[in-house]
């Protein structure tokens, strides 16, 4: 409730990391319905976001400069991007989930 009230009074520029995913996509659509200017930061380009006129930034969360560039001129960030699952190289999870969140 507090975050919702703060966002209503913000300048309405919102970044969603992982905006092309299931959770991120739902948040993108909800924010757009509420009249916010929404951008997305993802590893890949997502045609469904282009169809919604969402500005897309492509990059890896572990790349500080790419994340900083995407966050420039935003009021709020919804961080929904992550490497999910339990299998795979430890470094892949560390770079995406830990360093990405730190960035």
PDB file of N, CA and C in Angstrom:
ATOM      1  N   UNK A   1       0.826  -1.189   0.000  1.00  0.00           N
ATOM      2  CA  UNK A   1       0.000   0.000   0.000  1.00  0.00           C
ATOM      3  C   UNK A   1       0.871   1.254   0.000  1.00  0.00           C
ATOM      4  N   UNK A   2       1.938   1.270   0.815  1.00  0.00           N
ATOM      5  CA  UNK A   2       2.802   2.437   0.864  1.00  0.00           C
ATOM      6  C   UNK A   2       3.479   2.641  -0.474  1.00  0.00           C
ATOM      7  N   UNK A   3       4.028   1.561  -1.069  1.00  0.00           N
ATOM      8  CA  UNK A   3       4.685   1.673  -2.370  1.00  0.00           C
ATOM      9  C   UNK A   3       3.691   2.134  -3.432  1.00  0.00           C
ATOM     10  N   UNK A   4       2.474   1.626  -3.383  1.00  0.00           N
ATOM     11  CA  UNK A   4       1.454   2.019  -4.352  1.00  0.00           C
ATOM     12  C   UNK A   4       1.145   3.502  -4.231  1.00  0.00           C
ATOM     13  N   UNK A   5       1.003   4.012  -3.021  1.00  0.00           N
ATOM     14  CA  UNK A   5       0.717   5.436  -2.821  1.00  0.00           C
ATOM     15  C   UNK A   5       1.879   6.295  -3.291  1.00  0.00           C
ATOM     16  N   UNK A   6       3.122   5.861  -3.020  1.00  0.00           N
ATOM     17  CA  UNK A   6       4.279   6.626  -3.457  1.00  0.00           C
ATOM     18  C   UNK A   6       4.364   6.655  -4.974  1.00  0.00           C
ATOM     19  N   UNK A   7       4.062   5.553  -5.634  1.00  0.00           N
ATOM     20  CA  UNK A   7       4.153   5.491  -7.079  1.00  0.00           C
ATOM     21  C   UNK A   7       3.109   6.377  -7.745  1.00  0.00           C
ATOM     22  N   UNK A   8       1.956   6.515  -7.147  1.00  0.00           N
ATOM     23  CA  UNK A   8       0.908   7.361  -7.712  1.00  0.00           C
ATOM     24  C   UNK A   8       1.346   8.814  -7.805  1.00  0.00           C
ATOM     25  N   UNK A   9       2.216   9.238  -6.882  1.00  0.00           N
ATOM     26  CA  UNK A   9       2.646  10.633  -6.839  1.00  0.00           C
ATOM     27  C   UNK A   9       4.003  10.834  -7.500  1.00  0.00           C
ATOM     28  N   UNK A  10       4.575   9.776  -8.067  1.00  0.00           N
ATOM     29  CA  UNK A  10       5.879   9.857  -8.701  1.00  0.00           C
ATOM     30  C   UNK A  10       5.741  10.436 -10.107  1.00  0.00           C
ATOM     31  N   UNK A  11       6.888  10.666 -10.737  1.00  0.00           N
ATOM     32  CA  UNK A  11       6.853  11.227 -12.092  1.00  0.00           C
ATOM     33  C   UNK A  11       6.462  10.178 -13.133  1.00  0.00           C
ATOM     34  N   UNK A  12       6.173   8.986 -12.710  1.00  0.00           N
ATOM     35  CA  UNK A  12       5.609   7.941 -13.550  1.00  0.00           C
ATOM     36  C   UNK A  12       6.575   7.352 -14.573  1.00  0.00           C
ATOM     37  N   UNK A  13       7.839   7.371 -14.302  1.00  0.00           N
ATOM     38  CA  UNK A  13       8.818   6.709 -15.167  1.00  0.00           C
ATOM     39  C   UNK A  13       9.324   5.485 -14.410  1.00  0.00           C
ATOM     40  N   UNK A  14       8.924   4.313 -14.898  1.00  0.00           N
ATOM     41  CA  UNK A  14       9.178   3.081 -14.163  1.00  0.00           C
ATOM     42  C   UNK A  14       9.938   2.094 -15.038  1.00  0.00           C
ATOM     43  N   UNK A  15      10.965   1.457 -14.463  1.00  0.00           N
ATOM     44  CA  UNK A  15      11.727   0.410 -15.133  1.00  0.00           C
ATOM     45  C   UNK A  15      11.364  -0.930 -14.509  1.00  0.00           C
ATOM     46  N   UNK A  16      11.138  -1.928 -15.344  1.00  0.00           N
ATOM     47  CA  UNK A  16      10.885  -3.292 -14.874  1.00  0.00           C
ATOM     48  C   UNK A  16      12.006  -4.166 -15.410  1.00  0.00           C
ATOM     49  N   UNK A  17      12.820  -4.742 -14.526  1.00  0.00           N
ATOM     50  CA  UNK A  17      13.812  -5.707 -14.990  1.00  0.00           C
ATOM     51  C   UNK A  17      13.082  -7.019 -15.233  1.00  0.00           C
ATOM     52  N   UNK A  18      13.425  -7.684 -16.321  1.00  0.00           N
ATOM     53  CA  UNK A  18      12.716  -8.912 -16.657  1.00  0.00           C
ATOM     54  C   UNK A  18      11.310  -8.653 -17.157  1.00  0.00           C
ATOM     55  N   UNK A  19      11.106  -7.526 -17.795  1.00  0.00           N
ATOM     56  CA  UNK A  19       9.771  -7.151 -18.258  1.00  0.00           C
ATOM     57  C   UNK A  19       9.179  -8.085 -19.299  1.00  0.00           C
ATOM     58  N   UNK A  20       9.997  -8.908 -19.909  1.00  0.00           N
ATOM     59  CA  UNK A  20       9.500  -9.859 -20.892  1.00  0.00           C
ATOM     60  C   UNK A  20       9.104 -11.192 -20.300  1.00  0.00           C
ATOM     61  N   UNK A  21       9.330 -11.364 -19.009  1.00  0.00           N
ATOM     62  CA  UNK A  21       8.981 -12.614 -18.342  1.00  0.00           C
ATOM     63  C   UNK A  21       7.540 -12.633 -17.862  1.00  0.00           C
ATOM     64  N   UNK A  22       7.167 -13.727 -17.219  1.00  0.00           N
ATOM     65  CA  UNK A  22       5.787 -13.892 -16.760  1.00  0.00           C
ATOM     66  C   UNK A  22       5.405 -12.829 -15.728  1.00  0.00           C
ATOM     67  N   UNK A  23       6.152 -12.732 -14.644  1.00  0.00           N
ATOM     68  CA  UNK A  23       5.846 -11.755 -13.595  1.00  0.00           C
ATOM     69  C   UNK A  23       6.110 -10.330 -14.076  1.00  0.00           C
ATOM     70  N   UNK A  24       7.278 -10.115 -14.677  1.00  0.00           N
ATOM     71  CA  UNK A  24       7.612  -8.781 -15.167  1.00  0.00           C
ATOM     72  C   UNK A  24       6.626  -8.274 -16.198  1.00  0.00           C
ATOM     73  N   UNK A  25       6.176  -9.161 -17.084  1.00  0.00           N
ATOM     74  CA  UNK A  25       5.203  -8.769 -18.108  1.00  0.00           C
ATOM     75  C   UNK A  25       3.878  -8.344 -17.503  1.00  0.00           C
ATOM     76  N   UNK A  26       3.449  -9.053 -16.456  1.00  0.00           N
ATOM     77  CA  UNK A  26       2.197  -8.685 -15.781  1.00  0.00           C
ATOM     78  C   UNK A  26       2.335  -7.316 -15.112  1.00  0.00           C
ATOM     79  N   UNK A  27       3.487  -7.064 -14.526  1.00  0.00           N
ATOM     80  CA  UNK A  27       3.719  -5.766 -13.877  1.00  0.00           C
ATOM     81  C   UNK A  27       3.762  -4.661 -14.928  1.00  0.00           C
ATOM     82  N   UNK A  28       4.422  -4.914 -16.056  1.00  0.00           N
ATOM     83  CA  UNK A  28       4.467  -3.932 -17.139  1.00  0.00           C
ATOM     84  C   UNK A  28       3.057  -3.553 -17.569  1.00  0.00           C
ATOM     85  N   UNK A  29       2.214  -4.550 -17.826  1.00  0.00           N
ATOM     86  CA  UNK A  29       0.851  -4.265 -18.288  1.00  0.00           C
ATOM     87  C   UNK A  29       0.058  -3.489 -17.236  1.00  0.00           C
ATOM     88  N   UNK A  30       0.192  -3.840 -15.979  1.00  0.00           N
ATOM     89  CA  UNK A  30      -0.519  -3.133 -14.911  1.00  0.00           C
ATOM     90  C   UNK A  30      -0.058  -1.674 -14.826  1.00  0.00           C
ATOM     91  N   UNK A  31       1.244  -1.456 -14.893  1.00  0.00           N
ATOM     92  CA  UNK A  31       1.764  -0.087 -14.838  1.00  0.00           C
ATOM     93  C   UNK A  31       1.284   0.739 -16.028  1.00  0.00           C
ATOM     94  N   UNK A  32       1.271   0.132 -17.195  1.00  0.00           N
ATOM     95  CA  UNK A  32       0.774   0.846 -18.375  1.00  0.00           C
ATOM     96  C   UNK A  32      -0.695   1.212 -18.212  1.00  0.00           C
ATOM     97  N   UNK A  33      -1.496   0.289 -17.686  1.00  0.00           N
ATOM     98  CA  UNK A  33      -2.919   0.565 -17.451  1.00  0.00           C
ATOM     99  C   UNK A  33      -3.107   1.726 -16.483  1.00  0.00           C
ATOM    100  N   UNK A  34      -2.147   1.901 -15.567  1.00  0.00           N
ATOM    101  CA  UNK A  34      -2.224   2.980 -14.595  1.00  0.00           C
ATOM    102  C   UNK A  34      -1.660   4.290 -15.145  1.00  0.00           C
ATOM    103  N   UNK A  35      -1.203   4.280 -16.382  1.00  0.00           N
ATOM    104  CA  UNK A  35      -0.737   5.511 -17.020  1.00  0.00           C
ATOM    105  C   UNK A  35       0.732   5.825 -16.851  1.00  0.00           C
ATOM    106  N   UNK A  36       1.527   4.876 -16.415  1.00  0.00           N
ATOM    107  CA  UNK A  36       2.954   5.115 -16.226  1.00  0.00           C
ATOM    108  C   UNK A  36       3.723   4.945 -17.530  1.00  0.00           C
ATOM    109  N   UNK A  37       4.870   5.622 -17.624  1.00  0.00           N
ATOM    110  CA  UNK A  37       5.815   5.425 -18.720  1.00  0.00           C
ATOM    111  C   UNK A  37       6.708   4.269 -18.296  1.00  0.00           C
ATOM    112  N   UNK A  38       6.663   3.180 -19.029  1.00  0.00           N
ATOM    113  CA  UNK A  38       7.347   1.967 -18.597  1.00  0.00           C
ATOM    114  C   UNK A  38       8.466   1.609 -19.567  1.00  0.00           C
ATOM    115  N   UNK A  39       9.603   1.207 -18.991  1.00  0.00           N
ATOM    116  CA  UNK A  39      10.695   0.654 -19.778  1.00  0.00           C
ATOM    117  C   UNK A  39      11.067  -0.693 -19.161  1.00  0.00           C
ATOM    118  N   UNK A  40      11.799  -1.483 -19.932  1.00  0.00           N
ATOM    119  CA  UNK A  40      12.175  -2.823 -19.491  1.00  0.00           C
ATOM    120  C   UNK A  40      13.658  -3.053 -19.719  1.00  0.00           C
ATOM    121  N   UNK A  41      14.267  -3.799 -18.825  1.00  0.00           N
ATOM    122  CA  UNK A  41      15.671  -4.211 -18.964  1.00  0.00           C
ATOM    123  C   UNK A  41      15.698  -5.723 -18.974  1.00  0.00           C
ATOM    124  N   UNK A  42      16.174  -6.307 -20.070  1.00  0.00           N
ATOM    125  CA  UNK A  42      16.205  -7.762 -20.220  1.00  0.00           C
ATOM    126  C   UNK A  42      17.427  -8.164 -21.035  1.00  0.00           C
ATOM    127  N   UNK A  43      17.730  -9.456 -21.012  1.00  0.00           N
ATOM    128  CA  UNK A  43      18.831  -9.978 -21.831  1.00  0.00           C
ATOM    129  C   UNK A  43      18.481  -9.972 -23.306  1.00  0.00           C
ATOM    130  N   UNK A  44      17.198 -10.057 -23.629  1.00  0.00           N
ATOM    131  CA  UNK A  44      16.757 -10.176 -25.015  1.00  0.00           C
ATOM    132  C   UNK A  44      15.670  -9.159 -25.335  1.00  0.00           C
ATOM    133  N   UNK A  45      15.492  -8.943 -26.630  1.00  0.00           N
ATOM    134  CA  UNK A  45      14.408  -8.098 -27.116  1.00  0.00           C
ATOM    135  C   UNK A  45      13.115  -8.904 -27.078  1.00  0.00           C
ATOM    136  N   UNK A  46      11.998  -8.268 -26.699  1.00  0.00           N
ATOM    137  CA  UNK A  46      10.710  -8.938 -26.587  1.00  0.00           C
ATOM    138  C   UNK A  46       9.675  -8.219 -27.447  1.00  0.00           C
ATOM    139  N   UNK A  47       9.246  -8.865 -28.555  1.00  0.00           N
ATOM    140  CA  UNK A  47       8.269  -8.231 -29.457  1.00  0.00           C
ATOM    141  C   UNK A  47       6.977  -7.821 -28.757  1.00  0.00           C
ATOM    142  N   UNK A  48       6.533  -8.585 -27.752  1.00  0.00           N
ATOM    143  CA  UNK A  48       5.285  -8.232 -27.067  1.00  0.00           C
ATOM    144  C   UNK A  48       5.418  -6.901 -26.326  1.00  0.00           C
ATOM    145  N   UNK A  49       6.629  -6.565 -25.878  1.00  0.00           N
ATOM    146  CA  UNK A  49       6.834  -5.263 -25.226  1.00  0.00           C
ATOM    147  C   UNK A  49       6.862  -4.150 -26.266  1.00  0.00           C
ATOM    148  N   UNK A  50       7.433  -4.435 -27.426  1.00  0.00           N
ATOM    149  CA  UNK A  50       7.428  -3.444 -28.504  1.00  0.00           C
ATOM    150  C   UNK A  50       5.986  -3.116 -28.893  1.00  0.00           C
ATOM    151  N   UNK A  51       5.137  -4.127 -28.944  1.00  0.00           N
ATOM    152  CA  UNK A  51       3.731  -3.914 -29.290  1.00  0.00           C
ATOM    153  C   UNK A  51       3.014  -3.035 -28.265  1.00  0.00           C
ATOM    154  N   UNK A  52       3.539  -2.988 -27.041  1.00  0.00           N
ATOM    155  CA  UNK A  52       2.956  -2.154 -25.984  1.00  0.00           C
ATOM    156  C   UNK A  52       3.639  -0.792 -25.897  1.00  0.00           C
ATOM    157  N   UNK A  53       4.569  -0.505 -26.819  1.00  0.00           N
ATOM    158  CA  UNK A  53       5.344   0.746 -26.829  1.00  0.00           C
ATOM    159  C   UNK A  53       6.196   0.914 -25.574  1.00  0.00           C
ATOM    160  N   UNK A  54       6.750  -0.186 -25.094  1.00  0.00           N
ATOM    161  CA  UNK A  54       7.641  -0.160 -23.931  1.00  0.00           C
ATOM    162  C   UNK A  54       9.069  -0.013 -24.440  1.00  0.00           C
ATOM    163  N   UNK A  55       9.798   0.978 -23.921  1.00  0.00           N
ATOM    164  CA  UNK A  55      11.207   1.155 -24.288  1.00  0.00           C
ATOM    165  C   UNK A  55      11.984  -0.012 -23.694  1.00  0.00           C
ATOM    166  N   UNK A  56      12.817  -0.639 -24.514  1.00  0.00           N
ATOM    167  CA  UNK A  56      13.555  -1.807 -24.058  1.00  0.00           C
ATOM    168  C   UNK A  56      15.052  -1.546 -24.025  1.00  0.00           C
ATOM    169  N   UNK A  57      15.664  -1.932 -22.924  1.00  0.00           N
ATOM    170  CA  UNK A  57      17.110  -1.916 -22.767  1.00  0.00           C
ATOM    171  C   UNK A  57      17.561  -3.367 -22.710  1.00  0.00           C
ATOM    172  N   UNK A  58      18.525  -3.701 -23.554  1.00  0.00           N
ATOM    173  CA  UNK A  58      19.056  -5.061 -23.552  1.00  0.00           C
ATOM    174  C   UNK A  58      20.418  -5.069 -22.880  1.00  0.00           C
ATOM    175  N   UNK A  59      20.627  -6.059 -22.022  1.00  0.00           N
ATOM    176  CA  UNK A  59      21.906  -6.186 -21.353  1.00  0.00           C
ATOM    177  C   UNK A  59      21.837  -7.232 -20.266  1.00  0.00           C
ATOM    178  N   UNK A  60      22.939  -7.379 -19.570  1.00  0.00           N
ATOM    179  CA  UNK A  60      23.015  -8.334 -18.464  1.00  0.00           C
ATOM    180  C   UNK A  60      23.024  -7.559 -17.158  1.00  0.00           C
ATOM    181  N   UNK A  61      22.307  -8.065 -16.179  1.00  0.00           N
ATOM    182  CA  UNK A  61      22.226  -7.400 -14.876  1.00  0.00           C
ATOM    183  C   UNK A  61      23.581  -7.223 -14.209  1.00  0.00           C
ATOM    184  N   UNK A  62      24.544  -8.075 -14.536  1.00  0.00           N
ATOM    185  CA  UNK A  62      25.873  -7.964 -13.931  1.00  0.00           C
ATOM    186  C   UNK A  62      26.685  -6.815 -14.527  1.00  0.00           C
ATOM    187  N   UNK A  63      26.218  -6.226 -15.603  1.00  0.00           N
ATOM    188  CA  UNK A  63      26.890  -5.101 -16.261  1.00  0.00           C
ATOM    189  C   UNK A  63      26.396  -3.805 -15.624  1.00  0.00           C
ATOM    190  N   UNK A  64      27.166  -3.290 -14.682  1.00  0.00           N
ATOM    191  CA  UNK A  64      26.758  -2.110 -13.915  1.00  0.00           C
ATOM    192  C   UNK A  64      26.379  -0.933 -14.822  1.00  0.00           C
ATOM    193  N   UNK A  65      27.211  -0.656 -15.827  1.00  0.00           N
ATOM    194  CA  UNK A  65      26.946   0.491 -16.699  1.00  0.00           C
ATOM    195  C   UNK A  65      25.645   0.328 -17.479  1.00  0.00           C
ATOM    196  N   UNK A  66      25.344  -0.896 -17.918  1.00  0.00           N
ATOM    197  CA  UNK A  66      24.096  -1.141 -18.647  1.00  0.00           C
ATOM    198  C   UNK A  66      22.888  -0.934 -17.730  1.00  0.00           C
ATOM    199  N   UNK A  67      22.998  -1.405 -16.492  1.00  0.00           N
ATOM    200  CA  UNK A  67      21.901  -1.230 -15.529  1.00  0.00           C
ATOM    201  C   UNK A  67      21.742   0.246 -15.184  1.00  0.00           C
ATOM    202  N   UNK A  68      22.864   0.915 -14.965  1.00  0.00           N
ATOM    203  CA  UNK A  68      22.819   2.342 -14.642  1.00  0.00           C
ATOM    204  C   UNK A  68      22.174   3.140 -15.773  1.00  0.00           C
ATOM    205  N   UNK A  69      22.515   2.814 -17.007  1.00  0.00           N
ATOM    206  CA  UNK A  69      21.931   3.500 -18.158  1.00  0.00           C
ATOM    207  C   UNK A  69      20.415   3.284 -18.212  1.00  0.00           C
ATOM    208  N   UNK A  70      19.975   2.062 -17.968  1.00  0.00           N
ATOM    209  CA  UNK A  70      18.538   1.764 -18.006  1.00  0.00           C
ATOM    210  C   UNK A  70      17.786   2.476 -16.882  1.00  0.00           C
ATOM    211  N   UNK A  71      18.443   2.658 -15.753  1.00  0.00           N
ATOM    212  CA  UNK A  71      17.797   3.292 -14.591  1.00  0.00           C
ATOM    213  C   UNK A  71      17.769   4.810 -14.668  1.00  0.00           C
ATOM    214  N   UNK A  72      18.558   5.366 -15.558  1.00  0.00           N
ATOM    215  CA  UNK A  72      18.638   6.821 -15.686  1.00  0.00           C
ATOM    216  C   UNK A  72      17.257   7.407 -15.970  1.00  0.00           C
ATOM    217  N   UNK A  73      16.890   8.428 -15.252  1.00  0.00           N
ATOM    218  CA  UNK A  73      15.620   9.149 -15.421  1.00  0.00           C
ATOM    219  C   UNK A  73      14.397   8.330 -15.006  1.00  0.00           C
ATOM    220  N   UNK A  74      14.576   7.320 -14.165  1.00  0.00           N
ATOM    221  CA  UNK A  74      13.425   6.570 -13.674  1.00  0.00           C
ATOM    222  C   UNK A  74      13.146   6.952 -12.230  1.00  0.00           C
ATOM    223  N   UNK A  75      11.909   6.773 -11.848  1.00  0.00           N
ATOM    224  CA  UNK A  75      11.486   7.077 -10.487  1.00  0.00           C
ATOM    225  C   UNK A  75      11.453   5.823  -9.628  1.00  0.00           C
ATOM    226  N   UNK A  76      11.124   4.704 -10.261  1.00  0.00           N
ATOM    227  CA  UNK A  76      10.993   3.445  -9.509  1.00  0.00           C
ATOM    228  C   UNK A  76      11.463   2.290 -10.376  1.00  0.00           C
ATOM    229  N   UNK A  77      11.944   1.244  -9.716  1.00  0.00           N
ATOM    230  CA  UNK A  77      12.376   0.030 -10.401  1.00  0.00           C
ATOM    231  C   UNK A  77      11.675  -1.160  -9.763  1.00  0.00           C
ATOM    232  N   UNK A  78      11.073  -1.988 -10.604  1.00  0.00           N
ATOM    233  CA  UNK A  78      10.538  -3.275 -10.170  1.00  0.00           C
ATOM    234  C   UNK A  78      11.527  -4.322 -10.666  1.00  0.00           C
ATOM    235  N   UNK A  79      12.251  -4.931  -9.751  1.00  0.00           N
ATOM    236  CA  UNK A  79      13.305  -5.885 -10.109  1.00  0.00           C
ATOM    237  C   UNK A  79      12.741  -7.301 -10.077  1.00  0.00           C
ATOM    238  N   UNK A  80      12.390  -7.831 -11.259  1.00  0.00           N
ATOM    239  CA  UNK A  80      11.813  -9.174 -11.334  1.00  0.00           C
ATOM    240  C   UNK A  80      12.691 -10.135 -12.119  1.00  0.00           C
ATOM    241  N   UNK A  81      13.805  -9.659 -12.648  1.00  0.00           N
ATOM    242  CA  UNK A  81      14.687 -10.529 -13.423  1.00  0.00           C
ATOM    243  C   UNK A  81      15.529 -11.385 -12.489  1.00  0.00           C
ATOM    244  N   UNK A  82      15.730 -12.627 -12.887  1.00  0.00           N
ATOM    245  CA  UNK A  82      16.563 -13.531 -12.100  1.00  0.00           C
ATOM    246  C   UNK A  82      16.891 -14.766 -12.916  1.00  0.00           C
ATOM    247  N   UNK A  83      17.934 -15.451 -12.532  1.00  0.00           N
ATOM    248  CA  UNK A  83      18.214 -16.776 -13.079  1.00  0.00           C
ATOM    249  C   UNK A  83      17.512 -17.745 -12.154  1.00  0.00           C
ATOM    250  N   UNK A  84      16.494 -18.400 -12.680  1.00  0.00           N
ATOM    251  CA  UNK A  84      15.692 -19.319 -11.876  1.00  0.00           C
ATOM    252  C   UNK A  84      16.202 -20.747 -12.029  1.00  0.00           C
ATOM    253  N   UNK A  85      15.717 -21.604 -11.163  1.00  0.00           N
ATOM    254  CA  UNK A  85      16.069 -23.010 -11.226  1.00  0.00           C
ATOM    255  C   UNK A  85      17.107 -23.378 -10.178  1.00  0.00           C
ATOM    256  N   UNK A  86      17.510 -24.621 -10.214  1.00  0.00           N
ATOM    257  CA  UNK A  86      18.484 -25.099  -9.230  1.00  0.00           C
ATOM    258  C   UNK A  86      19.695 -25.745  -9.893  1.00  0.00           C
ATOM    259  N   UNK A  87      19.692 -25.833 -11.221  1.00  0.00           N
ATOM    260  CA  UNK A  87      20.800 -26.460 -11.933  1.00  0.00           C
ATOM    261  C   UNK A  87      21.528 -25.436 -12.778  1.00  0.00           C
ATOM    262  N   UNK A  88      22.809 -25.623 -12.900  1.00  0.00           N
ATOM    263  CA  UNK A  88      23.615 -24.748 -13.734  1.00  0.00           C
ATOM    264  C   UNK A  88      24.831 -24.267 -12.977  1.00  0.00           C
ATOM    265  N   UNK A  89      25.741 -23.623 -13.691  1.00  0.00           N
ATOM    266  CA  UNK A  89      26.960 -23.125 -13.055  1.00  0.00           C
ATOM    267  C   UNK A  89      26.655 -22.097 -11.961  1.00  0.00           C
ATOM    268  N   UNK A  90      27.322 -22.244 -10.849  1.00  0.00           N
ATOM    269  CA  UNK A  90      27.146 -21.348  -9.705  1.00  0.00           C
ATOM    270  C   UNK A  90      27.368 -19.901 -10.125  1.00  0.00           C
ATOM    271  N   UNK A  91      28.380 -19.658 -10.953  1.00  0.00           N
ATOM    272  CA  UNK A  91      28.711 -18.289 -11.358  1.00  0.00           C
ATOM    273  C   UNK A  91      27.569 -17.626 -12.118  1.00  0.00           C
ATOM    274  N   UNK A  92      26.814 -18.391 -12.903  1.00  0.00           N
ATOM    275  CA  UNK A  92      25.669 -17.823 -13.621  1.00  0.00           C
ATOM    276  C   UNK A  92      24.625 -17.282 -12.646  1.00  0.00           C
ATOM    277  N   UNK A  93      24.357 -18.043 -11.586  1.00  0.00           N
ATOM    278  CA  UNK A  93      23.397 -17.600 -10.565  1.00  0.00           C
ATOM    279  C   UNK A  93      23.951 -16.403  -9.791  1.00  0.00           C
ATOM    280  N   UNK A  94      25.234 -16.458  -9.436  1.00  0.00           N
ATOM    281  CA  UNK A  94      25.861 -15.373  -8.686  1.00  0.00           C
ATOM    282  C   UNK A  94      25.821 -14.067  -9.472  1.00  0.00           C
ATOM    283  N   UNK A  95      26.250 -14.113 -10.747  1.00  0.00           N
ATOM    284  CA  UNK A  95      26.304 -12.898 -11.558  1.00  0.00           C
ATOM    285  C   UNK A  95      24.913 -12.275 -11.737  1.00  0.00           C
ATOM    286  N   UNK A  96      23.935 -13.128 -12.045  1.00  0.00           N
ATOM    287  CA  UNK A  96      22.601 -12.609 -12.320  1.00  0.00           C
ATOM    288  C   UNK A  96      21.865 -12.229 -11.039  1.00  0.00           C
ATOM    289  N   UNK A  97      21.801 -13.142 -10.104  1.00  0.00           N
ATOM    290  CA  UNK A  97      20.943 -12.938  -8.922  1.00  0.00           C
ATOM    291  C   UNK A  97      21.597 -12.066  -7.855  1.00  0.00           C
ATOM    292  N   UNK A  98      22.892 -12.222  -7.630  1.00  0.00           N
ATOM    293  CA  UNK A  98      23.527 -11.411  -6.584  1.00  0.00           C
ATOM    294  C   UNK A  98      24.051 -10.088  -7.154  1.00  0.00           C
ATOM    295  N   UNK A  99      24.970 -10.155  -8.118  1.00  0.00           N
ATOM    296  CA  UNK A  99      25.518  -8.914  -8.668  1.00  0.00           C
ATOM    297  C   UNK A  99      24.437  -8.076  -9.349  1.00  0.00           C
ATOM    298  N   UNK A 100      23.537  -8.753 -10.051  1.00  0.00           N
ATOM    299  CA  UNK A 100      22.442  -8.032 -10.705  1.00  0.00           C
ATOM    300  C   UNK A 100      21.579  -7.273  -9.736  1.00  0.00           C
ATOM    301  N   UNK A 101      21.280  -7.885  -8.615  1.00  0.00           N
ATOM    302  CA  UNK A 101      20.475  -7.196  -7.592  1.00  0.00           C
ATOM    303  C   UNK A 101      21.272  -6.058  -6.956  1.00  0.00           C
ATOM    304  N   UNK A 102      22.554  -6.273  -6.736  1.00  0.00           N
ATOM    305  CA  UNK A 102      23.386  -5.191  -6.184  1.00  0.00           C
ATOM    306  C   UNK A 102      23.415  -3.991  -7.132  1.00  0.00           C
ATOM    307  N   UNK A 103      23.526  -4.268  -8.417  1.00  0.00           N
ATOM    308  CA  UNK A 103      23.563  -3.174  -9.400  1.00  0.00           C
ATOM    309  C   UNK A 103      22.254  -2.433  -9.422  1.00  0.00           C
TER     310      UNK A 103
END
